[in-house]
Amino acid sequence: MNVISKLFILNLLFISLNSYAVTPEDFLYPDALEVECKDGSPMQEDLMYCVSRSYLDSDKKLNIEYKKRMKLLKGTKKEKLLESQRLWLKNRKYKCICEYSAAEGGREAPIYLIDCYARENYKRVKFLENYQ
């Protein structure tokens, strides 16, 4: 294999990895908390506002609950929660990227991604609330 072929393959690999490095922040409507969510609307913009709002709310609640738990815990339990949180973050990312990639190229792909992150965040908040 010549040098050009190797560079071409490396370039393709780099591009494919970068295409899946998407996060909700790439698509969020930053003013979503100031705009009323029109539940049930089929309009793309309304859906984006609703999922953006849900994600921002879930992310805030997740951060508050995680910090609260970390302050309350000591020793091994605190270490286990930290380890668990790191694994959960990776799992959430891969799960939501799968949902996004299933619709990639379509207008609904960002909605799926943001909604997935919000759902997973809310589930994690419930988990953290019960973690002792």
Protein backbone atom coordinates (compact mmCIF):
# COMPACT_ATOMS: atom_id res chain seq x y z
CA MET A 1 0.00 0.00 0.00
CA ASN A 2 1.51 3.32 -1.00
CA VAL A 3 1.65 6.48 1.11
CA ILE A 4 -1.26 8.15 -0.67
CA SER A 5 -3.52 5.15 -0.04
CA LYS A 6 -2.59 5.14 3.64
CA LEU A 7 -3.26 8.87 3.94
CA PHE A 8 -6.60 8.46 2.19
CA ILE A 9 -7.67 5.70 4.59
CA LEU A 10 -6.54 7.71 7.62
CA ASN A 11 -8.45 10.72 6.33
CA LEU A 12 -11.63 8.66 5.90
CA LEU A 13 -11.26 7.28 9.40
CA PHE A 14 -10.76 10.76 10.83
CA ILE A 15 -13.82 12.12 9.00
CA SER A 16 -16.04 9.22 10.09
CA LEU A 17 -15.02 9.59 13.73
CA ASN A 18 -15.63 13.32 13.67
CA SER A 19 -19.07 12.91 12.14
CA TYR A 20 -20.15 11.07 15.28
CA ALA A 21 -18.71 13.59 17.69
CA VAL A 22 -22.04 15.40 17.87
CA THR A 23 -23.52 16.70 21.10
CA PRO A 24 -26.82 18.41 21.93
CA GLU A 25 -24.95 21.70 22.14
CA ASP A 26 -24.32 21.46 18.40
CA PHE A 27 -28.05 21.91 17.74
CA LEU A 28 -29.60 23.53 20.83
CA TYR A 29 -31.73 26.62 20.63
CA PRO A 30 -29.96 28.63 23.35
CA ASP A 31 -32.99 30.82 24.04
CA ALA A 32 -35.27 27.79 24.50
CA LEU A 33 -35.89 28.55 28.17
CA GLU A 34 -37.32 31.94 27.23
CA VAL A 35 -39.66 30.63 24.51
CA GLU A 36 -42.86 28.77 25.29
CA CYS A 37 -42.82 25.13 24.22
CA LYS A 38 -45.73 24.43 21.86
CA ASP A 39 -46.40 20.84 22.88
CA GLY A 40 -47.86 18.73 20.11
CA SER A 41 -46.83 21.04 17.28
CA PRO A 42 -45.46 19.21 14.24
CA MET A 43 -43.35 22.20 13.20
CA GLN A 44 -39.58 21.62 13.18
CA GLU A 45 -38.80 24.87 14.99
CA ASP A 46 -41.36 24.17 17.73
CA LEU A 47 -40.01 20.66 18.22
CA MET A 48 -36.47 22.01 18.48
CA TYR A 49 -37.54 24.54 21.10
CA CYS A 50 -39.30 21.83 23.11
CA VAL A 51 -36.44 19.33 23.07
CA SER A 52 -33.88 22.08 23.69
CA ARG A 53 -35.87 23.24 26.70
CA SER A 54 -36.19 19.68 27.99
CA TYR A 55 -32.47 19.04 27.58
CA LEU A 56 -31.43 22.28 29.30
CA ASP A 57 -33.78 21.51 32.20
CA SER A 58 -32.58 17.90 32.50
CA ASP A 59 -28.92 18.92 32.33
CA LYS A 60 -29.38 21.48 35.09
CA LYS A 61 -31.20 18.99 37.33
CA LEU A 62 -28.57 16.33 36.65
CA ASN A 63 -25.70 18.62 37.62
CA ILE A 64 -27.46 19.77 40.79
CA GLU A 65 -28.30 16.23 41.90
CA TYR A 66 -24.83 14.88 41.10
CA LYS A 67 -23.10 17.64 43.06
CA LYS A 68 -25.49 17.12 45.97
CA ARG A 69 -24.77 13.37 46.06
CA MET A 70 -21.01 13.87 45.81
CA LYS A 71 -21.09 16.23 48.80
CA LEU A 72 -23.04 13.72 50.89
CA LEU A 73 -20.98 10.64 50.08
CA LYS A 74 -17.63 9.62 51.53
CA GLY A 75 -14.90 7.12 50.71
CA THR A 76 -15.70 4.10 48.58
CA LYS A 77 -19.29 5.13 47.87
CA LYS A 78 -18.10 8.45 46.49
CA GLU A 79 -15.46 6.71 44.35
CA LYS A 80 -18.03 4.23 43.05
CA LEU A 81 -20.42 7.01 42.10
CA LEU A 82 -17.66 8.86 40.26
CA GLU A 83 -16.75 5.68 38.35
CA SER A 84 -20.40 4.97 37.65
CA GLN A 85 -20.96 8.51 36.38
CA ARG A 86 -18.04 8.28 33.97
CA LEU A 87 -19.32 5.00 32.55
CA TRP A 88 -22.85 6.36 32.34
CA LEU A 89 -21.66 9.43 30.40
CA LYS A 90 -19.96 7.20 27.82
CA ASN A 91 -23.00 4.93 27.57
CA ARG A 92 -25.35 7.91 27.16
CA LYS A 93 -23.17 9.32 24.40
CA TYR A 94 -23.07 6.05 22.42
CA LYS A 95 -26.78 5.37 22.88
CA CYS A 96 -27.78 8.83 21.73
CA ILE A 97 -25.35 8.85 18.82
CA CYS A 98 -26.99 5.62 17.64
CA GLU A 99 -30.39 7.32 17.72
CA TYR A 100 -28.95 10.31 15.87
CA SER A 101 -27.17 8.22 13.25
CA ALA A 102 -30.34 6.25 12.52
CA ALA A 103 -31.87 9.50 11.24
CA GLU A 104 -28.67 11.26 10.14
CA GLY A 105 -29.24 13.48 7.16
CA GLY A 106 -32.89 13.92 8.04
CA ARG A 107 -34.33 17.02 9.65
CA GLU A 108 -35.40 15.03 12.69
CA ALA A 109 -31.88 13.78 13.54
CA PRO A 110 -31.04 16.69 15.90
CA ILE A 111 -34.41 16.24 17.61
CA TYR A 112 -33.66 12.56 18.24
CA LEU A 113 -30.22 13.37 19.61
CA ILE A 114 -31.33 16.13 21.98
CA ASP A 115 -34.39 14.18 23.12
CA CYS A 116 -32.26 11.11 23.84
CA TYR A 117 -29.85 13.11 26.00
CA ALA A 118 -32.77 14.69 27.88
CA ARG A 119 -34.45 11.31 28.52
CA GLU A 120 -31.20 9.74 29.69
CA ASN A 121 -30.47 12.72 31.94
CA TYR A 122 -33.89 12.48 33.61
CA LYS A 123 -33.37 8.74 34.19
CA ARG A 124 -29.99 9.44 35.76
CA VAL A 125 -31.47 12.13 38.02
CA LYS A 126 -33.94 9.54 39.36
CA PHE A 127 -31.07 7.09 39.90
CA LEU A 128 -29.01 9.71 41.74
CA GLU A 129 -31.94 10.74 43.94
CA ASN A 130 -32.07 7.17 45.26
CA TYR A 131 -28.31 6.58 45.45
CA GLN A 132 -27.03 6.14 49.01
